[in-house]
Protein backbone atom coordinates (compact mmCIF):
# COMPACT_ATOMS: atom_id res chain seq x y z
CA UNK A 1 51.22 -35.48 1.61
CA UNK A 2 52.81 -35.50 4.96
CA UNK A 3 51.73 -31.48 4.85
CA UNK A 4 48.34 -32.30 3.72
CA UNK A 5 47.91 -35.15 6.91
CA UNK A 6 48.70 -32.35 9.17
CA UNK A 7 46.44 -30.36 8.35
CA UNK A 8 43.79 -32.62 7.99
CA UNK A 9 44.52 -33.52 11.69
CA UNK A 10 44.80 -30.19 12.81
CA UNK A 11 41.32 -29.48 11.18
CA UNK A 12 39.60 -32.55 13.10
CA UNK A 13 41.53 -31.64 15.94
CA UNK A 14 40.02 -28.44 15.92
CA UNK A 15 36.54 -28.71 15.04
CA UNK A 16 36.08 -31.61 18.18
CA UNK A 17 37.62 -28.76 20.41
CA UNK A 18 35.14 -26.32 18.86
CA UNK A 19 32.45 -28.63 19.65
CA UNK A 20 33.39 -29.94 22.64
CA UNK A 21 33.32 -26.21 23.90
CA UNK A 22 29.76 -25.56 22.64
CA UNK A 23 28.42 -28.72 24.42
CA UNK A 24 30.32 -28.29 27.57
CA UNK A 25 29.20 -24.29 27.86
CA UNK A 26 25.42 -25.51 27.49
CA UNK A 27 26.10 -28.14 29.78
CA UNK A 28 27.39 -25.84 32.72
CA UNK A 29 24.51 -23.47 31.75
CA UNK A 30 22.35 -25.85 33.41
CA UNK A 31 21.37 -25.07 36.91
CA UNK A 32 21.62 -27.82 39.48
CA UNK A 33 22.44 -27.06 43.43
CA UNK A 34 25.55 -29.17 43.74
CA UNK A 35 27.53 -29.36 46.52
CA UNK A 36 30.51 -27.21 46.83
CA UNK A 37 34.40 -28.39 45.10
CA UNK A 38 37.31 -26.96 43.30
CA UNK A 39 36.67 -24.53 41.12
CA UNK A 40 36.65 -25.80 37.24
CA UNK A 41 37.86 -24.70 34.28
CA UNK A 42 35.90 -24.88 30.85
CA UNK A 43 35.95 -28.41 29.02
CA UNK A 44 38.10 -30.50 31.30
CA UNK A 45 36.39 -29.55 34.69
CA UNK A 46 38.89 -30.64 37.36
CA UNK A 47 41.17 -33.06 35.59
CA UNK A 48 44.33 -30.67 35.82
CA UNK A 49 44.12 -31.27 39.60
CA UNK A 50 43.45 -34.81 39.48
CA UNK A 51 45.58 -35.96 36.87
CA UNK A 52 48.87 -37.94 37.71
CA UNK A 53 51.92 -35.97 38.47
CA UNK A 54 50.84 -35.00 42.05
CA UNK A 55 49.56 -37.02 44.76
CA UNK A 56 47.66 -40.00 43.92
CA UNK A 57 43.75 -39.51 43.37
CA UNK A 58 42.37 -40.50 46.35
CA UNK A 59 45.01 -38.78 48.37
CA UNK A 60 44.21 -35.83 46.44
CA UNK A 61 40.15 -36.10 47.04
CA UNK A 62 40.80 -36.49 50.62
CA UNK A 63 42.99 -33.47 50.87
CA UNK A 64 40.31 -31.33 49.06
CA UNK A 65 37.51 -32.59 51.09
CA UNK A 66 39.14 -30.95 54.03
CA UNK A 67 38.80 -27.52 52.26
CA UNK A 68 35.73 -28.07 50.63
CA UNK A 69 33.66 -30.33 52.50
CA UNK A 70 32.88 -34.20 53.21
CA UNK A 71 30.41 -34.19 50.27
CA UNK A 72 31.82 -32.27 47.51
CA UNK A 73 31.75 -32.53 43.86
CA UNK A 74 34.46 -32.29 41.00
CA UNK A 75 33.76 -32.04 37.49
CA UNK A 76 35.58 -34.87 35.31
CA UNK A 77 35.35 -32.83 31.90
CA UNK A 78 31.68 -31.90 31.96
CA UNK A 79 30.53 -34.99 34.03
CA UNK A 80 29.84 -33.74 37.81
CA UNK A 81 30.80 -36.61 39.96
CA UNK A 82 30.19 -36.35 44.10
CA UNK A 83 32.79 -37.39 46.10
CA UNK A 84 31.90 -38.91 49.71
CA UNK A 85 34.74 -38.86 52.30
CA UNK A 86 33.17 -39.12 56.09
CA UNK A 87 31.94 -43.00 57.25
CA UNK A 88 28.00 -41.27 57.89
CA UNK A 89 27.67 -40.20 54.20
CA UNK A 90 29.68 -43.47 52.72
CA UNK A 91 27.44 -45.62 54.86
CA UNK A 92 24.41 -43.78 53.58
CA UNK A 93 25.57 -44.42 50.34
CA UNK A 94 26.14 -48.06 50.49
CA UNK A 95 24.04 -49.20 52.76
CA UNK A 96 21.22 -47.20 53.92
CA UNK A 97 20.13 -46.29 50.56
CA UNK A 98 22.05 -48.87 48.99
CA UNK A 99 19.18 -49.50 46.28
CA UNK A 100 18.97 -45.81 45.46
CA UNK A 101 23.10 -45.55 44.17
CA UNK A 102 23.42 -49.37 43.04
CA UNK A 103 24.30 -48.70 39.35
CA UNK A 104 27.59 -48.10 37.90
CA UNK A 105 29.15 -45.55 36.27
CA UNK A 106 32.08 -46.41 34.38
CA UNK A 107 35.49 -45.69 32.70
CA UNK A 108 34.85 -45.97 28.94
CA UNK A 109 37.81 -47.73 28.08
CA UNK A 110 36.26 -50.53 30.36
CA UNK A 111 33.46 -50.99 28.06
CA UNK A 112 36.28 -53.44 25.61
CA UNK A 113 36.95 -55.70 28.62
CA UNK A 114 34.00 -55.98 30.05
CA UNK A 115 31.72 -57.22 27.07
CA UNK A 116 30.06 -53.59 26.95
CA UNK A 117 29.76 -53.59 30.95
CA UNK A 118 27.68 -56.91 31.28
CA UNK A 119 29.92 -58.12 34.22
CA UNK A 120 29.00 -59.08 37.85
CA UNK A 121 31.01 -55.23 38.87
CA UNK A 122 29.84 -53.20 35.46
CA UNK A 123 26.04 -53.71 35.04
CA UNK A 124 23.69 -51.47 35.91
CA UNK A 125 21.07 -52.31 38.84
CA UNK A 126 18.38 -54.16 37.11
CA UNK A 127 16.98 -57.78 36.87
CA UNK A 128 20.02 -59.13 35.03
CA UNK A 129 22.35 -57.80 37.54
CA UNK A 130 20.51 -59.40 40.36
CA UNK A 131 20.35 -62.72 38.63
CA UNK A 132 23.83 -62.97 37.25
CA UNK A 133 24.54 -61.67 41.07
CA UNK A 134 22.41 -64.57 42.52
CA UNK A 135 23.96 -67.25 39.93
CA UNK A 136 27.71 -66.19 41.20
CA UNK A 137 26.47 -66.71 45.08
CA UNK A 138 25.23 -70.02 43.80
CA UNK A 139 28.20 -71.33 41.98
CA UNK A 140 31.22 -69.67 42.07
CA UNK A 141 30.90 -68.48 45.69
CA UNK A 142 28.57 -71.55 47.29
CA UNK A 143 29.67 -72.57 50.37
CA UNK A 144 29.76 -76.47 48.80
CA UNK A 145 32.27 -75.27 46.24
CA UNK A 146 34.28 -72.70 48.44
CA UNK A 147 34.70 -75.06 51.10
CA UNK A 148 35.66 -77.70 48.73
CA UNK A 149 38.53 -76.00 47.74
CA UNK A 150 40.12 -76.04 51.25
CA UNK A 151 42.06 -78.90 50.73
CA UNK A 152 43.59 -77.32 47.39
CA UNK A 153 44.05 -74.27 48.64
CA UNK A 154 46.22 -75.92 51.56
CA UNK A 155 47.87 -77.50 48.76
CA UNK A 156 48.23 -74.77 46.67
CA UNK A 157 50.19 -72.93 49.45
CA UNK A 158 52.56 -75.84 50.03
CA UNK A 159 53.34 -75.66 46.08
CA UNK A 160 54.31 -71.63 47.32
CA UNK A 161 56.16 -72.08 49.87
CA UNK A 162 58.36 -74.62 47.58
CA UNK A 163 58.52 -71.91 44.96
CA UNK A 164 59.67 -69.08 46.90
CA UNK A 165 62.29 -71.47 48.72
CA UNK A 166 63.35 -72.52 45.48
CA UNK A 167 63.87 -68.81 44.20
CA UNK A 168 65.41 -67.86 47.46
CA UNK A 169 67.82 -70.75 46.37
CA UNK A 170 68.96 -69.43 42.73
CA UNK A 171 69.43 -65.90 44.28
CA UNK A 172 72.00 -64.50 46.44
CA UNK A 173 71.56 -63.49 50.40
CA UNK A 174 67.94 -65.35 49.48
CA UNK A 175 66.20 -62.38 48.39
CA UNK A 176 62.60 -63.39 46.51
CA UNK A 177 59.75 -61.22 44.70
CA UNK A 178 57.13 -62.97 46.64
CA UNK A 179 53.90 -61.20 44.76
CA UNK A 180 54.36 -63.18 41.43
CA UNK A 181 54.39 -66.69 43.46
CA UNK A 182 51.55 -65.52 45.38
CA UNK A 183 49.27 -64.26 42.26
CA UNK A 184 49.88 -67.21 40.21
CA UNK A 185 48.77 -69.46 43.77
CA UNK A 186 45.38 -67.04 43.32
CA UNK A 187 45.22 -67.97 39.82
CA UNK A 188 44.92 -71.47 40.44
CA UNK A 189 42.11 -71.21 43.16
CA UNK A 190 39.88 -68.96 40.78
CA UNK A 191 40.39 -71.56 37.73
CA UNK A 192 39.02 -74.40 39.73
CA UNK A 193 35.50 -72.09 40.62
CA UNK A 194 35.58 -71.22 37.21
CA UNK A 195 36.32 -74.42 35.45
CA UNK A 196 35.67 -76.88 38.00
CA UNK A 197 38.27 -79.15 40.39
CA UNK A 198 39.65 -81.03 37.42
CA UNK A 199 41.33 -78.03 36.34
CA UNK A 200 45.26 -78.31 36.00
CA UNK A 201 46.90 -75.80 33.44
CA UNK A 202 50.19 -74.33 34.67
CA UNK A 203 50.33 -72.51 30.91
CA UNK A 204 46.58 -71.13 31.43
CA UNK A 205 48.23 -69.78 35.02
CA UNK A 206 51.05 -68.10 33.28
CA UNK A 207 49.08 -66.34 30.43
CA UNK A 208 46.40 -65.26 32.41
CA UNK A 209 49.19 -63.48 34.93
CA UNK A 210 50.40 -61.93 32.17
CA UNK A 211 47.15 -60.57 31.04
CA UNK A 212 46.13 -59.77 34.41
CA UNK A 213 49.27 -57.25 34.26
CA UNK A 214 48.39 -56.29 30.75
CA UNK A 215 44.91 -55.10 31.55
CA UNK A 216 46.26 -53.30 34.68
CA UNK A 217 48.67 -51.45 32.75
CA UNK A 218 46.45 -50.08 29.62
CA UNK A 219 43.62 -49.06 33.06
CA UNK A 220 46.47 -46.63 33.91
CA UNK A 221 47.08 -45.13 30.57
CA UNK A 222 44.96 -41.99 29.12
CA UNK A 223 42.52 -41.47 31.79
CA UNK A 224 41.87 -38.62 29.21
CA UNK A 225 40.18 -41.09 26.80
CA UNK A 226 37.59 -42.32 29.42
CA UNK A 227 36.69 -38.68 29.70
CA UNK A 228 36.08 -38.07 25.84
CA UNK A 229 35.51 -41.05 24.58
CA UNK A 230 35.13 -39.23 21.21
CA UNK A 231 38.68 -38.91 21.10
CA UNK A 232 38.86 -42.42 19.68
CA UNK A 233 38.09 -41.14 16.13
CA UNK A 234 40.65 -38.41 16.13
CA UNK A 235 44.24 -38.98 14.92
CA UNK A 236 47.09 -38.65 17.34
CA UNK A 237 44.69 -39.84 19.92
CA UNK A 238 43.74 -43.46 18.90
CA UNK A 239 46.35 -45.81 20.19
CA UNK A 240 45.33 -46.31 23.87
CA UNK A 241 41.98 -47.55 22.37
CA UNK A 242 43.60 -49.77 19.77
CA UNK A 243 45.75 -50.93 22.79
CA UNK A 244 42.92 -51.56 24.86
CA UNK A 245 40.65 -53.69 22.45
CA UNK A 246 44.05 -55.58 21.15
CA UNK A 247 43.83 -56.58 25.23
CA UNK A 248 40.25 -57.70 24.67
CA UNK A 249 41.07 -60.20 21.67
CA UNK A 250 43.86 -61.91 23.57
CA UNK A 251 41.51 -62.46 26.57
CA UNK A 252 39.24 -63.85 23.86
CA UNK A 253 42.04 -66.27 22.54
CA UNK A 254 42.83 -67.13 26.13
CA UNK A 255 39.39 -67.92 28.06
CA UNK A 256 37.40 -69.76 24.83
CA UNK A 257 39.43 -72.73 24.41
CA UNK A 258 38.85 -73.29 28.49
CA UNK A 259 34.94 -72.97 28.23
CA UNK A 260 35.24 -75.33 24.98
CA UNK A 261 37.37 -78.23 26.98
CA UNK A 262 35.74 -77.53 30.44
CA UNK A 263 31.94 -77.35 28.90
CA UNK A 264 32.19 -80.55 27.26
CA UNK A 265 34.23 -82.15 30.41
CA UNK A 266 32.33 -84.84 32.22
CA UNK A 267 33.32 -83.16 35.61
CA UNK A 268 30.71 -80.24 34.27
CA UNK A 269 27.80 -82.20 33.16
CA UNK A 270 27.93 -83.23 36.59
CA UNK A 271 25.44 -81.54 39.55
CA UNK A 272 27.85 -78.81 40.62
CA UNK A 273 28.87 -75.47 41.72
CA UNK A 274 30.69 -74.01 38.88
CA UNK A 275 30.85 -70.91 37.71
CA UNK A 276 30.83 -71.42 33.95
CA UNK A 277 28.14 -74.24 34.32
CA UNK A 278 26.25 -71.46 35.57
CA UNK A 279 27.00 -69.02 32.68
CA UNK A 280 26.48 -71.52 29.85
CA UNK A 281 22.93 -72.65 31.82
CA UNK A 282 21.44 -68.90 31.26
CA UNK A 283 22.00 -68.40 27.31
CA UNK A 284 24.69 -65.66 27.80
CA UNK A 285 26.25 -64.55 24.58
CA UNK A 286 29.59 -66.12 23.95
CA UNK A 287 31.50 -62.54 25.23
CA UNK A 288 29.49 -62.24 27.70
CA UNK A 289 30.43 -65.51 29.75
CA UNK A 290 34.12 -65.00 28.58
CA UNK A 291 34.55 -61.52 30.14
CA UNK A 292 32.46 -62.50 33.33
CA UNK A 293 34.96 -65.50 33.91
CA UNK A 294 38.05 -63.00 32.77
CA UNK A 295 36.35 -60.32 35.30
CA UNK A 296 36.62 -62.84 38.33
CA UNK A 297 40.46 -63.67 37.50
CA UNK A 298 40.69 -59.42 37.64
CA UNK A 299 39.07 -58.55 40.67
CA UNK A 300 40.38 -61.23 42.73
CA UNK A 301 44.08 -62.04 41.89
CA UNK A 302 45.26 -58.71 42.22
CA UNK A 303 43.45 -57.47 44.98
CA UNK A 304 43.69 -60.99 47.34
CA UNK A 305 47.84 -60.63 46.31
CA UNK A 306 48.35 -57.42 46.61
CA UNK A 307 47.09 -57.11 50.36
CA UNK A 308 49.54 -60.35 50.88
CA UNK A 309 52.25 -58.41 49.69
CA UNK A 310 51.41 -55.04 51.73
CA UNK A 311 50.75 -57.53 54.98
CA UNK A 312 54.76 -58.57 54.30
CA UNK A 313 55.81 -55.49 53.59
CA UNK A 314 54.33 -53.95 57.06
CA UNK A 315 56.07 -57.32 59.36
CA UNK A 316 59.36 -56.87 57.32
CA UNK A 317 59.05 -52.75 58.80
CA UNK A 318 58.00 -54.24 62.24
CA UNK A 319 59.95 -56.99 63.19
CA UNK A 320 58.19 -57.17 66.69
CA UNK A 321 54.88 -57.64 65.15
CA UNK A 322 56.22 -60.38 62.55
CA UNK A 323 57.53 -62.06 65.76
CA UNK A 324 54.41 -61.98 67.77
CA UNK A 325 52.48 -63.46 65.01
CA UNK A 326 55.10 -65.87 64.37
CA UNK A 327 54.49 -67.07 68.14
CA UNK A 328 50.33 -67.11 67.53
CA UNK A 329 51.57 -69.64 64.49
CA UNK A 330 53.30 -72.28 66.06
CA UNK A 331 51.31 -72.06 69.38
CA UNK A 332 50.31 -75.82 70.78
CA UNK A 333 46.60 -74.43 71.40
CA UNK A 334 45.85 -74.87 67.33
CA UNK A 335 47.77 -78.28 67.54
CA UNK A 336 49.07 -78.69 64.13
CA UNK A 337 52.80 -78.77 63.22
CA UNK A 338 53.79 -78.04 59.12
CA UNK A 339 51.60 -76.25 57.06
CA UNK A 340 48.46 -74.67 58.55
CA UNK A 341 44.82 -75.18 57.38
CA UNK A 342 41.83 -73.45 57.13
CA UNK A 343 40.52 -74.47 60.06
CA UNK A 344 43.72 -73.23 61.98
CA UNK A 345 43.81 -69.80 60.51
CA UNK A 346 40.09 -69.44 61.11
CA UNK A 347 40.99 -69.32 65.18
CA UNK A 348 44.15 -67.12 65.06
CA UNK A 349 42.99 -63.97 66.42
CA UNK A 350 45.83 -61.82 65.73
CA UNK A 351 46.78 -63.50 62.20
CA UNK A 352 43.23 -61.88 61.63
CA UNK A 353 44.02 -58.47 62.78
CA UNK A 354 47.40 -58.52 60.84
CA UNK A 355 45.22 -59.05 57.47
CA UNK A 356 42.42 -56.52 58.52
CA UNK A 357 44.94 -54.08 59.26
CA UNK A 358 46.69 -54.51 55.94
CA UNK A 359 43.31 -53.90 54.28
CA UNK A 360 42.73 -50.71 56.34
CA UNK A 361 46.16 -49.22 56.19
CA UNK A 362 46.35 -50.20 52.28
CA UNK A 363 42.62 -50.52 50.83
CA UNK A 364 43.06 -51.90 47.20
CA UNK A 365 40.27 -50.21 46.03
CA UNK A 366 40.83 -46.91 47.51
CA UNK A 367 37.84 -45.28 45.42
CA UNK A 368 35.97 -48.67 45.19
CA UNK A 369 34.04 -48.95 41.72
CA UNK A 370 32.07 -45.46 41.19
CA UNK A 371 28.34 -45.41 41.85
CA UNK A 372 25.38 -43.89 39.87
CA UNK A 373 21.96 -42.88 41.42
CA UNK A 374 19.52 -45.44 40.03
CA UNK A 375 16.43 -42.52 40.12
CA UNK A 376 16.18 -39.01 42.09
CA UNK A 377 17.46 -39.35 45.93
CA UNK A 378 18.70 -37.33 48.58
CA UNK A 379 22.12 -37.20 50.45
CA UNK A 380 22.10 -36.03 53.94
CA UNK A 381 18.94 -34.54 52.85
CA UNK A 382 20.33 -32.70 49.86
CA UNK A 383 18.73 -33.87 46.18
CA UNK A 384 20.84 -36.06 43.91
CA UNK A 385 19.54 -36.17 40.56
CA UNK A 386 19.02 -39.89 38.87
CA UNK A 387 21.87 -40.80 36.95
CA UNK A 388 24.69 -38.84 39.26
CA UNK A 389 27.79 -40.44 39.84
CA UNK A 390 28.89 -40.93 43.07
CA UNK A 391 32.61 -42.04 44.26
CA UNK A 392 33.14 -43.05 48.21
CA UNK A 393 36.64 -42.43 49.00
CA UNK A 394 37.20 -45.58 51.47
CA UNK A 395 40.71 -44.43 51.81
CA UNK A 396 40.01 -41.30 53.56
CA UNK A 397 37.59 -42.97 55.88
CA UNK A 398 39.97 -45.91 56.63
CA UNK A 399 42.24 -42.74 57.66
CA UNK A 400 39.89 -40.68 59.32
CA UNK A 401 42.06 -39.53 62.90
CA UNK A 402 38.59 -39.13 64.50
CA UNK A 403 38.02 -43.03 63.96
CA UNK A 404 41.44 -44.37 63.99
CA UNK A 405 44.08 -43.59 66.55
CA UNK A 406 47.34 -42.74 64.49
CA UNK A 407 45.42 -43.91 61.29
CA UNK A 408 49.05 -44.09 59.72
CA UNK A 409 50.26 -46.63 62.16
CA UNK A 410 50.45 -50.59 61.51
CA UNK A 411 48.80 -51.60 64.55
CA UNK A 412 46.80 -54.98 64.45
CA UNK A 413 45.58 -55.04 67.84
CA UNK A 414 43.34 -52.31 67.14
CA UNK A 415 41.05 -55.06 65.78
CA UNK A 416 41.37 -57.39 68.72
CA UNK A 417 39.07 -57.48 72.04
CA UNK A 418 39.03 -55.03 74.57
CA UNK A 419 41.47 -52.83 72.38
CA UNK A 420 42.25 -49.05 72.35
CA UNK A 421 42.21 -48.90 68.76
CA UNK A 422 46.45 -48.06 68.36
CA UNK A 423 47.86 -46.34 71.66
CA UNK A 424 48.47 -42.74 72.25
CA UNK A 425 46.34 -41.37 69.15
CA UNK A 426 46.60 -37.86 67.68
CA UNK A 427 44.33 -35.99 70.12
CA UNK A 428 40.90 -36.12 67.98
CA UNK A 429 39.79 -39.47 68.54
CA UNK A 430 36.87 -39.66 70.85
CA UNK A 431 35.83 -42.75 72.79
CA UNK A 432 32.20 -42.23 72.51
CA UNK A 433 32.10 -42.82 68.61
CA UNK A 434 34.84 -45.14 67.95
CA UNK A 435 33.54 -48.90 68.27
CA UNK A 436 30.48 -47.83 66.00
CA UNK A 437 32.39 -45.79 63.72
CA UNK A 438 35.29 -48.72 63.45
CA UNK A 439 32.27 -51.28 62.29
CA UNK A 440 30.63 -48.90 59.83
CA UNK A 441 34.15 -47.45 58.46
CA UNK A 442 36.06 -50.86 57.98
CA UNK A 443 34.90 -51.66 54.34
CA UNK A 444 37.87 -52.46 52.32
CA UNK A 445 35.15 -54.94 50.42
CA UNK A 446 32.86 -51.72 50.40
CA UNK A 447 29.30 -52.75 51.41
CA UNK A 448 25.42 -52.94 50.29
CA UNK A 449 24.43 -54.41 47.59
CA UNK A 450 27.39 -53.99 45.46
CA UNK A 451 29.58 -55.72 48.18
CA UNK A 452 32.55 -57.33 47.01
CA UNK A 453 30.86 -60.93 46.02
CA UNK A 454 34.40 -62.60 46.50
CA UNK A 455 34.28 -61.02 50.17
CA UNK A 456 33.87 -64.45 52.14
CA UNK A 457 36.66 -66.04 49.79
CA UNK A 458 39.65 -63.36 49.88
CA UNK A 459 39.54 -62.94 53.51
CA UNK A 460 40.42 -66.96 54.52
CA UNK A 461 42.35 -67.33 51.45
CA UNK A 462 44.38 -64.11 52.82
CA UNK A 463 45.16 -65.42 55.97
CA UNK A 464 45.70 -68.79 55.13
CA UNK A 465 48.53 -67.70 52.46
CA UNK A 466 50.25 -64.94 54.93
CA UNK A 467 49.98 -67.40 57.73
CA UNK A 468 51.67 -70.08 56.45
CA UNK A 469 54.28 -67.68 54.49
CA UNK A 470 55.04 -66.19 57.76
CA UNK A 471 55.39 -69.79 59.64
CA UNK A 472 57.88 -70.81 56.89
CA UNK A 473 60.06 -68.38 56.72
CA UNK A 474 61.49 -65.47 58.63
CA UNK A 475 60.66 -62.09 56.38
CA UNK A 476 63.44 -59.38 56.59
CA UNK A 477 64.94 -56.55 54.46
CA UNK A 478 66.48 -57.53 50.88
CA UNK A 479 69.55 -55.16 51.20
CA UNK A 480 70.95 -54.91 55.02
CA UNK A 481 69.41 -51.58 56.82
CA UNK A 482 67.42 -50.27 54.03
CA UNK A 483 63.69 -51.36 55.01
CA UNK A 484 61.18 -51.89 51.65
CA UNK A 485 59.75 -48.67 50.21
CA UNK A 486 56.00 -48.65 51.05
CA UNK A 487 54.61 -46.04 49.00
CA UNK A 488 51.82 -46.32 47.01
CA UNK A 489 51.28 -46.55 43.50
CA UNK A 490 47.62 -46.52 42.45
CA UNK A 491 46.67 -48.15 38.86
CA UNK A 492 43.83 -50.82 38.88
CA UNK A 493 44.74 -51.34 42.33
CA UNK A 494 46.51 -49.94 45.29
CA UNK A 495 50.01 -51.45 44.21
CA UNK A 496 53.61 -50.92 45.64
CA UNK A 497 55.41 -48.01 43.65
CA UNK A 498 58.31 -50.52 44.48
CA UNK A 499 58.05 -54.05 43.94
CA UNK A 500 58.54 -55.97 47.10
CA UNK A 501 61.81 -57.72 47.75
CA UNK A 502 62.71 -59.85 50.72
CA UNK A 503 65.04 -61.90 52.12
CA UNK A 504 63.48 -65.54 53.32
CA UNK A 505 65.09 -67.60 55.60
CA UNK A 506 63.43 -70.81 56.31
CA UNK A 507 62.15 -71.10 59.75
CA UNK A 508 63.28 -74.84 60.13
CA UNK A 509 66.82 -73.80 59.09
């Protein structure tokens, strides 16, 4: 019996590979003037050069660009992808010809947790996407909704500080892991914007935190399955697809009760600006409603909380910068003792510089979400066919030494007025191009039609949270004389290879 199953698996696998060779060979014979790129192998293209085991993908692509050009082609299986790595080309894709490159090219398995690519970030460019985007801006991101969150956000931050203080008291030498506390604080904010200000469900917060972690874990596994989706039908390759399908079912189980509860609550029947109300008013299928709500958590929680965690890591590495920031936070100029509010942090220029520099040095989405040409167009004068995938390497642009002096140095002063952008530089930075280039290349949230919809919500929230954490605690190394590891680990977002641990001492102590 086992022998028969083995033969069947071998037969199916061999048949699949044979068909794949025939299909790939036929496609490769089609002539197209693709930009130069690394030599590709049959069937797998450049996957052997891009898979995990070496440098992270955005770093690998940045190094390849030095050899093959700032506009190059890499092959994911038999599918060509144009990768752009300089700010002028990125600006052309994202802004100048934004409508030409406004569709999406998504990994196959993301289909399971996006209602078949029918969410705000995954919809192709269409009237439906435009309506969804407009609806999100008039509900989830409506100024009245966002500004109304300020007192609640300030209350969230006070709760965050208490939870970190409690963990510090429980642990030896006051060592804490700040990221889980920050993540839950962001989840509370997103839940209120989705379901309304009456949201009070800590069990949901805990469950959503676990759910996001699980989805991120699954996104980092079996990249080959995203390139060759037919593998889901081949014995021995089905497991990753089954796992992501289980995640999909658990997401439904988590969010469906909240939809039922808050759709029928008195608060959601009022004329208000909450995302759930908008989605239900459009007559979308329940599956689309569920996964559009989930996407708000997925995209907002880790991106916001990880940027704050990166900032804390940099401040631990450079106590002088932390001290300079603290002096601004307690300055009488801002006239408030205790926790800081939105009004205060919006005026703190050095705090804003610390947040921006953290987002530049460790962009949470270093390759953004891949774009797709809506129609035949051009890039730097060269023809690009409709349907072509275009990937922008934001990491390469944000670390370009021609634009950013000492690009690998944490230097918040570069974002302040009348500043020299980072000190001595590396001999390639040019004064005459820097100002315009900095403005056009500082794109941690993307740009153009597909710019991150939550940018104006995330920026002040990151400043509010980071400012209060530094005002409340002195942050230092968890182990005396051993700085935290700031190595990168890229899954769904650009996270830390080693989760941040820090010793915190209350400033009032």
